PDB file of all heavy atoms in Angstrom:
ATOM      1  N   GLU A   1      78.607 -35.735  13.057  1.00  0.00           N
ATOM      2  CA  GLU A   1      77.263 -35.170  12.849  1.00  0.00           C
ATOM      3  C   GLU A   1      76.718 -35.538  11.470  1.00  0.00           C
ATOM      4  O   GLU A   1      75.538 -35.864  11.309  1.00  0.00           O
ATOM      5  CB  GLU A   1      77.290 -33.641  12.987  1.00  0.00           C
ATOM      6  CG  GLU A   1      77.672 -33.140  14.366  1.00  0.00           C
ATOM      7  CD  GLU A   1      79.143 -32.841  14.496  1.00  0.00           C
ATOM      8  OE1 GLU A   1      79.942 -33.398  13.724  1.00  0.00           O
ATOM      9  OE2 GLU A   1      79.498 -32.046  15.377  1.00  0.00           O
ATOM     10  N   TYR A   2      77.601 -35.486  10.486  1.00  0.00           N
ATOM     11  CA  TYR A   2      77.163 -35.793   9.114  1.00  0.00           C
ATOM     12  C   TYR A   2      76.688 -37.236   9.003  1.00  0.00           C
ATOM     13  O   TYR A   2      75.645 -37.520   8.393  1.00  0.00           O
ATOM     14  CB  TYR A   2      78.304 -35.530   8.138  1.00  0.00           C
ATOM     15  CG  TYR A   2      77.861 -35.536   6.685  1.00  0.00           C
ATOM     16  CD1 TYR A   2      77.116 -34.479   6.166  1.00  0.00           C
ATOM     17  CD2 TYR A   2      78.170 -36.599   5.848  1.00  0.00           C
ATOM     18  CE1 TYR A   2      76.700 -34.470   4.848  1.00  0.00           C
ATOM     19  CE2 TYR A   2      77.759 -36.605   4.518  1.00  0.00           C
ATOM     20  CZ  TYR A   2      77.027 -35.545   4.027  1.00  0.00           C
ATOM     21  OH  TYR A   2      76.612 -35.534   2.709  1.00  0.00           O
ATOM     22  N   ARG A   3      77.413 -38.159   9.625  1.00  0.00           N
ATOM     23  CA  ARG A   3      77.011 -39.570   9.566  1.00  0.00           C
ATOM     24  C   ARG A   3      75.684 -39.780  10.278  1.00  0.00           C
ATOM     25  O   ARG A   3      74.832 -40.559   9.816  1.00  0.00           O
ATOM     26  CB  ARG A   3      78.101 -40.440  10.191  1.00  0.00           C
ATOM     27  CG  ARG A   3      79.332 -40.588   9.290  1.00  0.00           C
ATOM     28  CD  ARG A   3      80.532 -41.133  10.050  1.00  0.00           C
ATOM     29  NE  ARG A   3      80.248 -42.423  10.641  1.00  0.00           N
ATOM     30  CZ  ARG A   3      80.955 -42.947  11.655  1.00  0.00           C
ATOM     31  NH1 ARG A   3      81.949 -42.259  12.178  1.00  0.00           N
ATOM     32  NH2 ARG A   3      80.654 -44.128  12.134  1.00  0.00           N
ATOM     33  N   LEU A   4      75.495 -39.099  11.413  1.00  0.00           N
ATOM     34  CA  LEU A   4      74.229 -39.224  12.142  1.00  0.00           C
ATOM     35  C   LEU A   4      73.050 -38.743  11.298  1.00  0.00           C
ATOM     36  O   LEU A   4      72.017 -39.397  11.213  1.00  0.00           O
ATOM     37  CB  LEU A   4      74.289 -38.419  13.446  1.00  0.00           C
ATOM     38  CG  LEU A   4      74.971 -39.085  14.639  1.00  0.00           C
ATOM     39  CD1 LEU A   4      75.123 -38.091  15.775  1.00  0.00           C
ATOM     40  CD2 LEU A   4      74.158 -40.292  15.111  1.00  0.00           C
ATOM     41  N   VAL A   5      73.231 -37.562  10.675  1.00  0.00           N
ATOM     42  CA  VAL A   5      72.151 -37.015   9.841  1.00  0.00           C
ATOM     43  C   VAL A   5      71.841 -37.970   8.689  1.00  0.00           C
ATOM     44  O   VAL A   5      70.680 -38.238   8.370  1.00  0.00           O
ATOM     45  CB  VAL A   5      72.541 -35.619   9.309  1.00  0.00           C
ATOM     46  CG1 VAL A   5      71.511 -35.136   8.282  1.00  0.00           C
ATOM     47  CG2 VAL A   5      72.647 -34.620  10.446  1.00  0.00           C
ATOM     48  N   LYS A   6      72.891 -38.503   8.085  1.00  0.00           N
ATOM     49  CA  LYS A   6      72.688 -39.388   6.926  1.00  0.00           C
ATOM     50  C   LYS A   6      71.937 -40.663   7.319  1.00  0.00           C
ATOM     51  O   LYS A   6      71.053 -41.142   6.594  1.00  0.00           O
ATOM     52  CB  LYS A   6      74.053 -39.732   6.324  1.00  0.00           C
ATOM     53  CG  LYS A   6      73.984 -40.138   4.860  1.00  0.00           C
ATOM     54  CD  LYS A   6      75.365 -40.178   4.230  1.00  0.00           C
ATOM     55  CE  LYS A   6      75.233 -40.577   2.768  1.00  0.00           C
ATOM     56  NZ  LYS A   6      76.555 -40.711   2.130  1.00  0.00           N
ATOM     57  N   LEU A   7      72.275 -41.202   8.490  1.00  0.00           N
ATOM     58  CA  LEU A   7      71.586 -42.401   8.963  1.00  0.00           C
ATOM     59  C   LEU A   7      70.121 -42.111   9.276  1.00  0.00           C
ATOM     60  O   LEU A   7      69.219 -42.869   8.897  1.00  0.00           O
ATOM     61  CB  LEU A   7      72.278 -42.943  10.214  1.00  0.00           C
ATOM     62  CG  LEU A   7      73.626 -43.646  10.003  1.00  0.00           C
ATOM     63  CD1 LEU A   7      74.323 -43.858  11.340  1.00  0.00           C
ATOM     64  CD2 LEU A   7      73.421 -44.975   9.280  1.00  0.00           C
ATOM     65  N   MET A   8      69.872 -41.007   9.973  1.00  0.00           N
ATOM     66  CA  MET A   8      68.511 -40.664  10.379  1.00  0.00           C
ATOM     67  C   MET A   8      67.646 -40.265   9.189  1.00  0.00           C
ATOM     68  O   MET A   8      66.430 -40.449   9.191  1.00  0.00           O
ATOM     69  CB  MET A   8      68.545 -39.523  11.394  1.00  0.00           C
ATOM     70  CG  MET A   8      69.257 -39.864  12.698  1.00  0.00           C
ATOM     71  SD  MET A   8      68.323 -41.012  13.697  1.00  0.00           S
ATOM     72  CE  MET A   8      66.990 -39.962  14.237  1.00  0.00           C
ATOM     73  N   ALA A   9      68.280 -39.699   8.167  1.00  0.00           N
ATOM     74  CA  ALA A   9      67.523 -39.124   7.053  1.00  0.00           C
ATOM     75  C   ALA A   9      66.944 -40.174   6.112  1.00  0.00           C
ATOM     76  O   ALA A   9      66.152 -39.833   5.233  1.00  0.00           O
ATOM     77  CB  ALA A   9      68.421 -38.174   6.263  1.00  0.00           C
ATOM     78  N   LYS A  10      67.302 -41.432   6.294  1.00  0.00           N
ATOM     79  CA  LYS A  10      66.820 -42.460   5.367  1.00  0.00           C
ATOM     80  C   LYS A  10      65.306 -42.661   5.476  1.00  0.00           C
ATOM     81  O   LYS A  10      64.672 -43.145   4.553  1.00  0.00           O
ATOM     82  CB  LYS A  10      67.556 -43.771   5.628  1.00  0.00           C
ATOM     83  CG  LYS A  10      69.016 -43.705   5.185  1.00  0.00           C
ATOM     84  CD  LYS A  10      69.737 -45.023   5.349  1.00  0.00           C
ATOM     85  CE  LYS A  10      71.171 -44.905   4.837  1.00  0.00           C
ATOM     86  NZ  LYS A  10      71.930 -46.154   5.007  1.00  0.00           N
ATOM     87  N   LYS A  11      64.730 -42.285   6.624  1.00  0.00           N
ATOM     88  CA  LYS A  11      63.290 -42.465   6.813  1.00  0.00           C
ATOM     89  C   LYS A  11      62.577 -41.134   7.043  1.00  0.00           C
ATOM     90  O   LYS A  11      61.407 -41.123   7.390  1.00  0.00           O
ATOM     91  CB  LYS A  11      63.033 -43.369   8.029  1.00  0.00           C
ATOM     92  CG  LYS A  11      63.701 -44.720   7.960  1.00  0.00           C
ATOM     93  CD  LYS A  11      63.005 -45.661   7.007  1.00  0.00           C
ATOM     94  CE  LYS A  11      63.610 -47.053   7.082  1.00  0.00           C
ATOM     95  NZ  LYS A  11      62.960 -47.992   6.139  1.00  0.00           N
ATOM     96  N   ALA A  12      63.293 -40.012   6.878  1.00  0.00           N
ATOM     97  CA  ALA A  12      62.689 -38.712   7.207  1.00  0.00           C
ATOM     98  C   ALA A  12      62.983 -37.698   6.108  1.00  0.00           C
ATOM     99  O   ALA A  12      63.934 -37.843   5.341  1.00  0.00           O
ATOM    100  CB  ALA A  12      63.228 -38.202   8.540  1.00  0.00           C
ATOM    101  N   ILE A  13      62.148 -36.673   6.056  1.00  0.00           N
ATOM    102  CA  ILE A  13      62.393 -35.538   5.168  1.00  0.00           C
ATOM    103  C   ILE A  13      63.400 -34.628   5.864  1.00  0.00           C
ATOM    104  O   ILE A  13      63.181 -34.217   7.003  1.00  0.00           O
ATOM    105  CB  ILE A  13      61.087 -34.780   4.873  1.00  0.00           C
ATOM    106  CG1 ILE A  13      60.133 -35.701   4.109  1.00  0.00           C
ATOM    107  CG2 ILE A  13      61.361 -33.495   4.091  1.00  0.00           C
ATOM    108  CD1 ILE A  13      58.737 -35.154   3.955  1.00  0.00           C
ATOM    109  N   THR A  14      64.498 -34.328   5.187  1.00  0.00           N
ATOM    110  CA  THR A  14      65.609 -33.616   5.823  1.00  0.00           C
ATOM    111  C   THR A  14      65.819 -32.249   5.183  1.00  0.00           C
ATOM    112  O   THR A  14      65.831 -32.119   3.952  1.00  0.00           O
ATOM    113  CB  THR A  14      66.909 -34.437   5.705  1.00  0.00           C
ATOM    114  OG1 THR A  14      66.687 -35.720   6.285  1.00  0.00           O
ATOM    115  CG2 THR A  14      68.061 -33.732   6.403  1.00  0.00           C
ATOM    116  N   CYS A  15      65.959 -31.246   6.032  1.00  0.00           N
ATOM    117  CA  CYS A  15      66.251 -29.889   5.570  1.00  0.00           C
ATOM    118  C   CYS A  15      67.461 -29.367   6.341  1.00  0.00           C
ATOM    119  O   CYS A  15      67.518 -29.486   7.562  1.00  0.00           O
ATOM    120  CB  CYS A  15      65.042 -28.970   5.813  1.00  0.00           C
ATOM    121  SG  CYS A  15      65.379 -27.231   5.463  1.00  0.00           S
ATOM    122  N   VAL A  16      68.439 -28.843   5.619  1.00  0.00           N
ATOM    123  CA  VAL A  16      69.600 -28.245   6.293  1.00  0.00           C
ATOM    124  C   VAL A  16      69.734 -26.800   5.838  1.00  0.00           C
ATOM    125  O   VAL A  16      69.378 -26.448   4.718  1.00  0.00           O
ATOM    126  CB  VAL A  16      70.913 -29.017   5.999  1.00  0.00           C
ATOM    127  CG1 VAL A  16      70.759 -30.481   6.380  1.00  0.00           C
ATOM    128  CG2 VAL A  16      71.358 -28.873   4.559  1.00  0.00           C
ATOM    129  N   VAL A  17      70.233 -25.969   6.738  1.00  0.00           N
ATOM    130  CA  VAL A  17      70.454 -24.548   6.443  1.00  0.00           C
ATOM    131  C   VAL A  17      71.894 -24.210   6.791  1.00  0.00           C
ATOM    132  O   VAL A  17      72.382 -24.561   7.864  1.00  0.00           O
ATOM    133  CB  VAL A  17      69.500 -23.638   7.255  1.00  0.00           C
ATOM    134  CG1 VAL A  17      69.757 -22.177   6.925  1.00  0.00           C
ATOM    135  CG2 VAL A  17      68.053 -24.003   6.992  1.00  0.00           C
ATOM    136  N   GLY A  18      72.565 -23.540   5.893  1.00  0.00           N
ATOM    137  CA  GLY A  18      73.949 -23.161   6.189  1.00  0.00           C
ATOM    138  C   GLY A  18      74.535 -22.334   5.073  1.00  0.00           C
ATOM    139  O   GLY A  18      73.968 -22.217   3.988  1.00  0.00           O
ATOM    140  N   ASP A  19      75.685 -21.764   5.353  1.00  0.00           N
ATOM    141  CA  ASP A  19      76.384 -20.923   4.386  1.00  0.00           C
ATOM    142  C   ASP A  19      77.817 -21.427   4.257  1.00  0.00           C
ATOM    143  O   ASP A  19      78.628 -21.227   5.165  1.00  0.00           O
ATOM    144  CB  ASP A  19      76.389 -19.464   4.853  1.00  0.00           C
ATOM    145  CG  ASP A  19      77.067 -18.536   3.854  1.00  0.00           C
ATOM    146  OD1 ASP A  19      77.548 -19.029   2.813  1.00  0.00           O
ATOM    147  OD2 ASP A  19      77.112 -17.308   4.112  1.00  0.00           O
ATOM    148  N   PRO A  20      78.164 -22.100   3.152  1.00  0.00           N
ATOM    149  CA  PRO A  20      79.526 -22.616   3.006  1.00  0.00           C
ATOM    150  C   PRO A  20      80.589 -21.528   3.034  1.00  0.00           C
ATOM    151  O   PRO A  20      81.744 -21.803   3.350  1.00  0.00           O
ATOM    152  CB  PRO A  20      79.494 -23.327   1.642  1.00  0.00           C
ATOM    153  CG  PRO A  20      78.286 -22.800   0.941  1.00  0.00           C
ATOM    154  CD  PRO A  20      77.312 -22.436   1.997  1.00  0.00           C
ATOM    155  N   ASP A  21      80.192 -20.293   2.736  1.00  0.00           N
ATOM    156  CA  ASP A  21      81.153 -19.197   2.803  1.00  0.00           C
ATOM    157  C   ASP A  21      81.508 -18.833   4.250  1.00  0.00           C
ATOM    158  O   ASP A  21      82.382 -17.993   4.479  1.00  0.00           O
ATOM    159  CB  ASP A  21      80.601 -17.951   2.091  1.00  0.00           C
ATOM    160  CG  ASP A  21      80.582 -18.131   0.583  1.00  0.00           C
ATOM    161  OD1 ASP A  21      81.364 -18.954   0.078  1.00  0.00           O
ATOM    162  OD2 ASP A  21      79.785 -17.445  -0.095  1.00  0.00           O
ATOM    163  N   GLN A  22      80.809 -19.440   5.222  1.00  0.00           N
ATOM    164  CA  GLN A  22      81.101 -19.159   6.623  1.00  0.00           C
ATOM    165  C   GLN A  22      81.610 -20.397   7.368  1.00  0.00           C
ATOM    166  O   GLN A  22      81.501 -20.488   8.584  1.00  0.00           O
ATOM    167  CB  GLN A  22      79.848 -18.598   7.316  1.00  0.00           C
ATOM    168  CG  GLN A  22      79.413 -17.253   6.760  1.00  0.00           C
ATOM    169  CD  GLN A  22      78.348 -16.581   7.609  1.00  0.00           C
ATOM    170  OE1 GLN A  22      78.484 -16.466   8.819  1.00  0.00           O
ATOM    171  NE2 GLN A  22      77.286 -16.124   6.966  1.00  0.00           N
ATOM    172  N   THR A  23      82.199 -21.336   6.634  1.00  0.00           N
ATOM    173  CA  THR A  23      82.830 -22.483   7.282  1.00  0.00           C
ATOM    174  C   THR A  23      84.196 -22.048   7.793  1.00  0.00           C
ATOM    175  O   THR A  23      85.148 -21.918   7.022  1.00  0.00           O
ATOM    176  CB  THR A  23      82.986 -23.655   6.297  1.00  0.00           C
ATOM    177  OG1 THR A  23      81.700 -24.023   5.802  1.00  0.00           O
ATOM    178  CG2 THR A  23      83.617 -24.859   6.984  1.00  0.00           C
ATOM    179  N   ILE A  24      84.306 -21.819   9.107  1.00  0.00           N
ATOM    180  CA  ILE A  24      85.550 -21.290   9.677  1.00  0.00           C
ATOM    181  C   ILE A  24      86.031 -22.120  10.866  1.00  0.00           C
ATOM    182  O   ILE A  24      86.914 -21.691  11.599  1.00  0.00           O
ATOM    183  CB  ILE A  24      85.371 -19.821  10.114  1.00  0.00           C
ATOM    184  CG1 ILE A  24      84.271 -19.694  11.171  1.00  0.00           C
ATOM    185  CG2 ILE A  24      85.084 -18.929   8.926  1.00  0.00           C
ATOM    186  CD1 ILE A  24      84.138 -18.294  11.781  1.00  0.00           C
ATOM    187  N   TYR A  25      85.446 -23.325  11.024  1.00  0.00           N
ATOM    188  CA  TYR A  25      85.804 -24.135  12.193  1.00  0.00           C
ATOM    189  C   TYR A  25      86.435 -25.468  11.804  1.00  0.00           C
ATOM    190  O   TYR A  25      86.196 -26.482  12.452  1.00  0.00           O
ATOM    191  CB  TYR A  25      84.570 -24.380  13.063  1.00  0.00           C
ATOM    192  CG  TYR A  25      84.059 -23.153  13.758  1.00  0.00           C
ATOM    193  CD1 TYR A  25      82.797 -22.639  13.471  1.00  0.00           C
ATOM    194  CD2 TYR A  25      84.836 -22.493  14.702  1.00  0.00           C
ATOM    195  CE1 TYR A  25      82.328 -21.497  14.110  1.00  0.00           C
ATOM    196  CE2 TYR A  25      84.377 -21.357  15.346  1.00  0.00           C
ATOM    197  CZ  TYR A  25      83.123 -20.866  15.042  1.00  0.00           C
ATOM    198  OH  TYR A  25      82.663 -19.741  15.676  1.00  0.00           O
ATOM    199  N   SER A  26      87.265 -25.481  10.769  1.00  0.00           N
ATOM    200  CA  SER A  26      87.900 -26.736  10.369  1.00  0.00           C
ATOM    201  C   SER A  26      88.770 -27.294  11.491  1.00  0.00           C
ATOM    202  O   SER A  26      88.937 -28.499  11.627  1.00  0.00           O
ATOM    203  CB  SER A  26      88.737 -26.533   9.107  1.00  0.00           C
ATOM    204  OG  SER A  26      89.816 -25.661   9.350  1.00  0.00           O
ATOM    205  N   PHE A  27      89.326 -26.410  12.340  1.00  0.00           N
ATOM    206  CA  PHE A  27      90.161 -26.884  13.447  1.00  0.00           C
ATOM    207  C   PHE A  27      89.339 -27.632  14.484  1.00  0.00           C
ATOM    208  O   PHE A  27      89.896 -28.321  15.346  1.00  0.00           O
ATOM    209  CB  PHE A  27      90.909 -25.707  14.107  1.00  0.00           C
ATOM    210  CG  PHE A  27      90.031 -24.679  14.756  1.00  0.00           C
ATOM    211  CD1 PHE A  27      89.728 -24.761  16.101  1.00  0.00           C
ATOM    212  CD2 PHE A  27      89.512 -23.629  14.022  1.00  0.00           C
ATOM    213  CE1 PHE A  27      88.910 -23.812  16.707  1.00  0.00           C
ATOM    214  CE2 PHE A  27      88.703 -22.670  14.614  1.00  0.00           C
ATOM    215  CZ  PHE A  27      88.395 -22.762  15.964  1.00  0.00           C
ATOM    216  N   ARG A  28      87.998 -27.520  14.419  1.00  0.00           N
ATOM    217  CA  ARG A  28      87.120 -28.304  15.301  1.00  0.00           C
ATOM    218  C   ARG A  28      86.515 -29.496  14.560  1.00  0.00           C
ATOM    219  O   ARG A  28      85.663 -30.184  15.112  1.00  0.00           O
ATOM    220  CB  ARG A  28      85.983 -27.432  15.827  1.00  0.00           C
ATOM    221  CG  ARG A  28      86.422 -26.312  16.749  1.00  0.00           C
ATOM    222  CD  ARG A  28      85.206 -25.534  17.215  1.00  0.00           C
ATOM    223  NE  ARG A  28      85.555 -24.376  18.021  1.00  0.00           N
ATOM    224  CZ  ARG A  28      84.714 -23.415  18.339  1.00  0.00           C
ATOM    225  NH1 ARG A  28      83.450 -23.474  17.901  1.00  0.00           N
ATOM    226  NH2 ARG A  28      85.100 -22.379  19.073  1.00  0.00           N
ATOM    227  N   GLY A  29      86.923 -29.712  13.311  1.00  0.00           N
ATOM    228  CA  GLY A  29      86.428 -30.860  12.560  1.00  0.00           C
ATOM    229  C   GLY A  29      85.409 -30.535  11.497  1.00  0.00           C
ATOM    230  O   GLY A  29      84.957 -31.428  10.767  1.00  0.00           O
ATOM    231  N   ALA A  30      85.002 -29.271  11.358  1.00  0.00           N
ATOM    232  CA  ALA A  30      84.037 -28.902  10.315  1.00  0.00           C
ATOM    233  C   ALA A  30      84.662 -29.091   8.932  1.00  0.00           C
ATOM    234  O   ALA A  30      85.869 -28.910   8.753  1.00  0.00           O
ATOM    235  CB  ALA A  30      83.595 -27.452  10.490  1.00  0.00           C
ATOM    236  N   ASP A  31      83.842 -29.476   7.972  1.00  0.00           N
ATOM    237  CA  ASP A  31      84.319 -29.706   6.609  1.00  0.00           C
ATOM    238  C   ASP A  31      83.339 -29.068   5.637  1.00  0.00           C
ATOM    239  O   ASP A  31      82.168 -29.457   5.566  1.00  0.00           O
ATOM    240  CB  ASP A  31      84.424 -31.213   6.334  1.00  0.00           C
ATOM    241  CG  ASP A  31      85.090 -31.530   5.004  1.00  0.00           C
ATOM    242  OD1 ASP A  31      85.074 -30.659   4.106  1.00  0.00           O
ATOM    243  OD2 ASP A  31      85.621 -32.641   4.856  1.00  0.00           O
ATOM    244  N   VAL A  32      83.800 -28.085   4.869  1.00  0.00           N
ATOM    245  CA  VAL A  32      82.934 -27.346   3.954  1.00  0.00           C
ATOM    246  C   VAL A  32      82.328 -28.252   2.892  1.00  0.00           C
ATOM    247  O   VAL A  32      81.248 -27.970   2.352  1.00  0.00           O
ATOM    248  CB  VAL A  32      83.714 -26.184   3.297  1.00  0.00           C
ATOM    249  CG1 VAL A  32      84.784 -26.712   2.346  1.00  0.00           C
ATOM    250  CG2 VAL A  32      82.774 -25.223   2.578  1.00  0.00           C
ATOM    251  N   ASN A  33      82.976 -29.367   2.596  1.00  0.00           N
ATOM    252  CA  ASN A  33      82.490 -30.244   1.521  1.00  0.00           C
ATOM    253  C   ASN A  33      81.174 -30.927   1.877  1.00  0.00           C
ATOM    254  O   ASN A  33      80.444 -31.345   0.980  1.00  0.00           O
ATOM    255  CB  ASN A  33      83.550 -31.291   1.166  1.00  0.00           C
ATOM    256  CG  ASN A  33      84.763 -30.662   0.511  1.00  0.00           C
ATOM    257  OD1 ASN A  33      84.647 -30.017  -0.525  1.00  0.00           O
ATOM    258  ND2 ASN A  33      85.924 -30.820   1.132  1.00  0.00           N
ATOM    259  N   TYR A  34      80.858 -31.051   3.164  1.00  0.00           N
ATOM    260  CA  TYR A  34      79.591 -31.685   3.529  1.00  0.00           C
ATOM    261  C   TYR A  34      78.399 -30.874   3.026  1.00  0.00           C
ATOM    262  O   TYR A  34      77.418 -31.439   2.543  1.00  0.00           O
ATOM    263  CB  TYR A  34      79.498 -31.862   5.050  1.00  0.00           C
ATOM    264  CG  TYR A  34      80.415 -32.941   5.577  1.00  0.00           C
ATOM    265  CD1 TYR A  34      81.194 -32.726   6.701  1.00  0.00           C
ATOM    266  CD2 TYR A  34      80.505 -34.179   4.943  1.00  0.00           C
ATOM    267  CE1 TYR A  34      82.036 -33.706   7.192  1.00  0.00           C
ATOM    268  CE2 TYR A  34      81.341 -35.163   5.425  1.00  0.00           C
ATOM    269  CZ  TYR A  34      82.119 -34.923   6.547  1.00  0.00           C
ATOM    270  OH  TYR A  34      82.950 -35.902   7.018  1.00  0.00           O
ATOM    271  N   ILE A  35      78.465 -29.558   3.121  1.00  0.00           N
ATOM    272  CA  ILE A  35      77.349 -28.759   2.623  1.00  0.00           C
ATOM    273  C   ILE A  35      77.446 -28.579   1.108  1.00  0.00           C
ATOM    274  O   ILE A  35      76.439 -28.557   0.406  1.00  0.00           O
ATOM    275  CB  ILE A  35      77.266 -27.393   3.343  1.00  0.00           C
ATOM    276  CG1 ILE A  35      75.960 -26.673   2.952  1.00  0.00           C
ATOM    277  CG2 ILE A  35      78.465 -26.516   3.071  1.00  0.00           C
ATOM    278  CD1 ILE A  35      75.642 -25.471   3.827  1.00  0.00           C
ATOM    279  N   LEU A  36      78.671 -28.502   0.581  1.00  0.00           N
ATOM    280  CA  LEU A  36      78.834 -28.344  -0.866  1.00  0.00           C
ATOM    281  C   LEU A  36      78.324 -29.580  -1.619  1.00  0.00           C
ATOM    282  O   LEU A  36      77.790 -29.463  -2.722  1.00  0.00           O
ATOM    283  CB  LEU A  36      80.305 -28.097  -1.209  1.00  0.00           C
ATOM    284  CG  LEU A  36      80.907 -26.762  -0.741  1.00  0.00           C
ATOM    285  CD1 LEU A  36      82.382 -26.692  -1.089  1.00  0.00           C
ATOM    286  CD2 LEU A  36      80.161 -25.587  -1.379  1.00  0.00           C
ATOM    287  N   ASP A  37      78.491 -30.769  -1.009  1.00  0.00           N
ATOM    288  CA  ASP A  37      78.108 -32.016  -1.686  1.00  0.00           C
ATOM    289  C   ASP A  37      76.777 -32.573  -1.189  1.00  0.00           C
ATOM    290  O   ASP A  37      76.433 -33.725  -1.481  1.00  0.00           O
ATOM    291  CB  ASP A  37      79.202 -33.081  -1.474  1.00  0.00           C
ATOM    292  CG  ASP A  37      80.520 -32.686  -2.122  1.00  0.00           C
ATOM    293  OD1 ASP A  37      80.491 -31.885  -3.073  1.00  0.00           O
ATOM    294  OD2 ASP A  37      81.579 -33.187  -1.674  1.00  0.00           O
ATOM    295  N   PHE A  38      76.033 -31.764  -0.452  1.00  0.00           N
ATOM    296  CA  PHE A  38      74.781 -32.254   0.137  1.00  0.00           C
ATOM    297  C   PHE A  38      73.828 -32.800  -0.934  1.00  0.00           C
ATOM    298  O   PHE A  38      73.227 -33.862  -0.768  1.00  0.00           O
ATOM    299  CB  PHE A  38      74.096 -31.134   0.917  1.00  0.00           C
ATOM    300  CG  PHE A  38      72.845 -31.571   1.626  1.00  0.00           C
ATOM    301  CD1 PHE A  38      72.915 -32.176   2.869  1.00  0.00           C
ATOM    302  CD2 PHE A  38      71.592 -31.376   1.048  1.00  0.00           C
ATOM    303  CE1 PHE A  38      71.762 -32.589   3.519  1.00  0.00           C
ATOM    304  CE2 PHE A  38      70.438 -31.789   1.691  1.00  0.00           C
ATOM    305  CZ  PHE A  38      70.517 -32.401   2.940  1.00  0.00           C
ATOM    306  N   ASP A  39      73.728 -32.083  -2.071  1.00  0.00           N
ATOM    307  CA  ASP A  39      72.769 -32.506  -3.103  1.00  0.00           C
ATOM    308  C   ASP A  39      73.188 -33.805  -3.786  1.00  0.00           C
ATOM    309  O   ASP A  39      72.363 -34.470  -4.422  1.00  0.00           O
ATOM    310  CB  ASP A  39      72.581 -31.398  -4.150  1.00  0.00           C
ATOM    311  CG  ASP A  39      73.876 -30.991  -4.806  1.00  0.00           C
ATOM    312  OD1 ASP A  39      74.946 -31.341  -4.275  1.00  0.00           O
ATOM    313  OD2 ASP A  39      73.827 -30.313  -5.851  1.00  0.00           O
ATOM    314  N   LYS A  40      74.461 -34.189  -3.635  1.00  0.00           N
ATOM    315  CA  LYS A  40      74.914 -35.461  -4.214  1.00  0.00           C
ATOM    316  C   LYS A  40      74.629 -36.619  -3.276  1.00  0.00           C
ATOM    317  O   LYS A  40      74.343 -37.739  -3.711  1.00  0.00           O
ATOM    318  CB  LYS A  40      76.417 -35.398  -4.510  1.00  0.00           C
ATOM    319  CG  LYS A  40      76.805 -34.321  -5.519  1.00  0.00           C
ATOM    320  CD  LYS A  40      78.316 -34.217  -5.625  1.00  0.00           C
ATOM    321  CE  LYS A  40      78.690 -33.018  -6.518  1.00  0.00           C
ATOM    322  NZ  LYS A  40      80.152 -32.767  -6.503  1.00  0.00           N
ATOM    323  N   ASP A  41      74.704 -36.374  -1.985  1.00  0.00           N
ATOM    324  CA  ASP A  41      74.514 -37.442  -0.998  1.00  0.00           C
ATOM    325  C   ASP A  41      73.060 -37.620  -0.579  1.00  0.00           C
ATOM    326  O   ASP A  41      72.688 -38.666  -0.042  1.00  0.00           O
ATOM    327  CB  ASP A  41      75.354 -37.154   0.254  1.00  0.00           C
ATOM    328  CG  ASP A  41      76.851 -37.257  -0.023  1.00  0.00           C
ATOM    329  OD1 ASP A  41      77.206 -37.805  -1.080  1.00  0.00           O
ATOM    330  OD2 ASP A  41      77.647 -36.787   0.803  1.00  0.00           O
ATOM    331  N   PHE A  42      72.232 -36.587  -0.783  1.00  0.00           N
ATOM    332  CA  PHE A  42      70.822 -36.646  -0.397  1.00  0.00           C
ATOM    333  C   PHE A  42      69.971 -36.390  -1.640  1.00  0.00           C
ATOM    334  O   PHE A  42      69.773 -35.244  -2.043  1.00  0.00           O
ATOM    335  CB  PHE A  42      70.511 -35.601   0.683  1.00  0.00           C
ATOM    336  CG  PHE A  42      71.154 -35.877   2.012  1.00  0.00           C
ATOM    337  CD1 PHE A  42      72.496 -35.610   2.219  1.00  0.00           C
ATOM    338  CD2 PHE A  42      70.418 -36.424   3.057  1.00  0.00           C
ATOM    339  CE1 PHE A  42      73.093 -35.866   3.444  1.00  0.00           C
ATOM    340  CE2 PHE A  42      71.014 -36.683   4.292  1.00  0.00           C
ATOM    341  CZ  PHE A  42      72.346 -36.414   4.484  1.00  0.00           C
ATOM    342  N   LYS A  43      69.498 -37.448  -2.254  1.00  0.00           N
ATOM    343  CA  LYS A  43      68.707 -37.306  -3.481  1.00  0.00           C
ATOM    344  C   LYS A  43      67.341 -37.912  -3.256  1.00  0.00           C
ATOM    345  O   LYS A  43      67.217 -38.938  -2.580  1.00  0.00           O
ATOM    346  CB  LYS A  43      69.412 -38.017  -4.640  1.00  0.00           C
ATOM    347  CG  LYS A  43      70.734 -37.383  -5.027  1.00  0.00           C
ATOM    348  CD  LYS A  43      71.372 -38.130  -6.191  1.00  0.00           C
ATOM    349  CE  LYS A  43      72.690 -37.472  -6.606  1.00  0.00           C
ATOM    350  NZ  LYS A  43      73.342 -38.187  -7.699  1.00  0.00           N
ATOM    351  N   PRO A  44      66.280 -37.321  -3.866  1.00  0.00           N
ATOM    352  CA  PRO A  44      66.280 -36.045  -4.611  1.00  0.00           C
ATOM    353  C   PRO A  44      66.441 -34.868  -3.643  1.00  0.00           C
ATOM    354  O   PRO A  44      66.105 -34.968  -2.466  1.00  0.00           O
ATOM    355  CB  PRO A  44      64.907 -36.032  -5.274  1.00  0.00           C
ATOM    356  CG  PRO A  44      64.053 -36.850  -4.346  1.00  0.00           C
ATOM    357  CD  PRO A  44      64.950 -37.918  -3.791  1.00  0.00           C
TER     358      PRO A  44
END
């Protein structure tokens, strides 16, 4: 999902909503670092 959003976001204004304190699905592949590092990967 993260790769898809990153690819699509190159030509669009992107907004994400989430709470890193509620990342509880790592066993399904969720990774808290994607939301924690969002401001580094999507600039400005």
